[in-house]
C-alpha atoms as a PDB file:
ATOM      1  CA  UNK A   1       0.000   0.000   0.000  1.00  0.00           C
ATOM      2  CA  UNK A   2       1.142   3.497  -0.633  1.00  0.00           C
ATOM      3  CA  UNK A   3       0.918   6.313   1.871  1.00  0.00           C
ATOM      4  CA  UNK A   4      -2.129   7.911   0.194  1.00  0.00           C
ATOM      5  CA  UNK A   5      -4.152   4.711   0.642  1.00  0.00           C
ATOM      6  CA  UNK A   6      -3.006   4.376   4.247  1.00  0.00           C
ATOM      7  CA  UNK A   7      -4.000   7.966   4.999  1.00  0.00           C
ATOM      8  CA  UNK A   8      -7.417   7.425   3.405  1.00  0.00           C
ATOM      9  CA  UNK A   9      -7.964   4.283   5.489  1.00  0.00           C
ATOM     10  CA  UNK A  10      -6.932   6.136   8.658  1.00  0.00           C
ATOM     11  CA  UNK A  11      -9.367   8.971   7.864  1.00  0.00           C
ATOM     12  CA  UNK A  12     -12.217   6.499   7.334  1.00  0.00           C
ATOM     13  CA  UNK A  13     -11.452   4.710  10.604  1.00  0.00           C
ATOM     14  CA  UNK A  14     -11.263   7.984  12.523  1.00  0.00           C
ATOM     15  CA  UNK A  15     -14.576   9.130  11.043  1.00  0.00           C
ATOM     16  CA  UNK A  16     -16.287   5.859  11.988  1.00  0.00           C
ATOM     17  CA  UNK A  17     -14.918   6.098  15.521  1.00  0.00           C
ATOM     18  CA  UNK A  18     -16.113   9.694  15.857  1.00  0.00           C
ATOM     19  CA  UNK A  19     -19.563   8.786  14.542  1.00  0.00           C
ATOM     20  CA  UNK A  20     -19.924   5.814  16.877  1.00  0.00           C
ATOM     21  CA  UNK A  21     -18.668   7.709  19.942  1.00  0.00           C
ATOM     22  CA  UNK A  22     -20.641  10.897  19.404  1.00  0.00           C
ATOM     23  CA  UNK A  23     -24.053   9.242  19.695  1.00  0.00           C
ATOM     24  CA  UNK A  24     -25.584  11.973  17.583  1.00  0.00           C
ATOM     25  CA  UNK A  25     -26.584   9.727  14.719  1.00  0.00           C
ATOM     26  CA  UNK A  26     -30.129   9.317  13.459  1.00  0.00           C
ATOM     27  CA  UNK A  27     -30.386   5.811  14.850  1.00  0.00           C
ATOM     28  CA  UNK A  28     -29.844   6.801  18.493  1.00  0.00           C
ATOM     29  CA  UNK A  29     -32.283   9.721  18.215  1.00  0.00           C
ATOM     30  CA  UNK A  30     -34.975   7.385  16.909  1.00  0.00           C
ATOM     31  CA  UNK A  31     -34.384   4.865  19.674  1.00  0.00           C
ATOM     32  CA  UNK A  32     -34.683   7.508  22.411  1.00  0.00           C
ATOM     33  CA  UNK A  33     -37.978   8.885  21.099  1.00  0.00           C
ATOM     34  CA  UNK A  34     -40.183   6.089  22.389  1.00  0.00           C
ATOM     35  CA  UNK A  35     -38.558   6.107  25.817  1.00  0.00           C
ATOM     36  CA  UNK A  36     -39.244   9.826  26.088  1.00  0.00           C
ATOM     37  CA  UNK A  37     -42.890   9.261  25.210  1.00  0.00           C
ATOM     38  CA  UNK A  38     -43.226   6.569  27.874  1.00  0.00           C
ATOM     39  CA  UNK A  39     -41.560   8.812  30.453  1.00  0.00           C
ATOM     40  CA  UNK A  40     -43.887  11.703  29.544  1.00  0.00           C
ATOM     41  CA  UNK A  41     -47.004   9.544  29.893  1.00  0.00           C
ATOM     42  CA  UNK A  42     -45.717   8.283  33.227  1.00  0.00           C
ATOM     43  CA  UNK A  43     -45.055  11.872  34.302  1.00  0.00           C
ATOM     44  CA  UNK A  44     -48.616  12.916  33.440  1.00  0.00           C
ATOM     45  CA  UNK A  45     -50.015   9.915  35.304  1.00  0.00           C
ATOM     46  CA  UNK A  46     -47.859  10.666  38.344  1.00  0.00           C
ATOM     47  CA  UNK A  47     -48.916  14.337  38.347  1.00  0.00           C
ATOM     48  CA  UNK A  48     -52.580  13.323  38.279  1.00  0.00           C
ATOM     49  CA  UNK A  49     -52.014  10.780  41.061  1.00  0.00           C
ATOM     50  CA  UNK A  50     -50.111  13.134  43.361  1.00  0.00           C
ATOM     51  CA  UNK A  51     -52.413  16.118  42.726  1.00  0.00           C
ATOM     52  CA  UNK A  52     -55.474  13.965  43.436  1.00  0.00           C
ATOM     53  CA  UNK A  53     -54.257  13.284  46.969  1.00  0.00           C
ATOM     54  CA  UNK A  54     -52.876  16.771  47.663  1.00  0.00           C
ATOM     55  CA  UNK A  55     -54.800  18.638  50.352  1.00  0.00           C
ATOM     56  CA  UNK A  56     -53.225  22.034  49.746  1.00  0.00           C
ATOM     57  CA  UNK A  57     -51.296  24.168  47.300  1.00  0.00           C
ATOM     58  CA  UNK A  58     -47.826  23.283  48.566  1.00  0.00           C
ATOM     59  CA  UNK A  59     -48.642  19.588  48.670  1.00  0.00           C
ATOM     60  CA  UNK A  60     -49.669  19.940  45.024  1.00  0.00           C
ATOM     61  CA  UNK A  61     -46.345  21.592  44.205  1.00  0.00           C
ATOM     62  CA  UNK A  62     -44.571  18.773  46.036  1.00  0.00           C
ATOM     63  CA  UNK A  63     -46.635  16.322  43.994  1.00  0.00           C
ATOM     64  CA  UNK A  64     -45.416  17.861  40.734  1.00  0.00           C
ATOM     65  CA  UNK A  65     -41.816  17.639  41.973  1.00  0.00           C
ATOM     66  CA  UNK A  66     -42.335  14.013  42.949  1.00  0.00           C
ATOM     67  CA  UNK A  67     -43.787  13.339  39.509  1.00  0.00           C
ATOM     68  CA  UNK A  68     -40.533  14.531  37.946  1.00  0.00           C
ATOM     69  CA  UNK A  69     -38.610  11.766  39.709  1.00  0.00           C
ATOM     70  CA  UNK A  70     -41.214   9.001  39.676  1.00  0.00           C
ATOM     71  CA  UNK A  71     -38.815   6.484  38.062  1.00  0.00           C
ATOM     72  CA  UNK A  72     -36.571   6.766  41.115  1.00  0.00           C
ATOM     73  CA  UNK A  73     -39.495   5.898  43.383  1.00  0.00           C
ATOM     74  CA  UNK A  74     -40.373   2.973  41.127  1.00  0.00           C
ATOM     75  CA  UNK A  75     -36.850   1.546  41.194  1.00  0.00           C
ATOM     76  CA  UNK A  76     -36.561   2.095  44.956  1.00  0.00           C
ATOM     77  CA  UNK A  77     -39.791   0.214  45.674  1.00  0.00           C
ATOM     78  CA  UNK A  78     -38.823  -2.590  43.268  1.00  0.00           C
ATOM     79  CA  UNK A  79     -35.464  -3.046  44.969  1.00  0.00           C
ATOM     80  CA  UNK A  80     -37.076  -2.928  48.391  1.00  0.00           C
ATOM     81  CA  UNK A  81     -39.565  -5.626  47.332  1.00  0.00           C
ATOM     82  CA  UNK A  82     -36.842  -7.834  45.879  1.00  0.00           C
ATOM     83  CA  UNK A  83     -34.603  -7.556  48.949  1.00  0.00           C
ATOM     84  CA  UNK A  84     -37.314  -8.524  51.456  1.00  0.00           C
END
């Protein structure tokens, strides 16, 4: 191989590495879309749940804040149930 071919191969490899490490490709954006939709629906459900049981304004605000982190509550309760 001559040096021009080697340089071209190196450029192609570097580009592929940059593309795979950046995570900004179309494929990863498409894969994250459905997870975002599920999280949003869960957020809306959690807001409705927490607001329904709020007995005052500040408890409602706390309910909205809790709804933002509902996956953490879910994982915590799952781990607590599995540990017994």
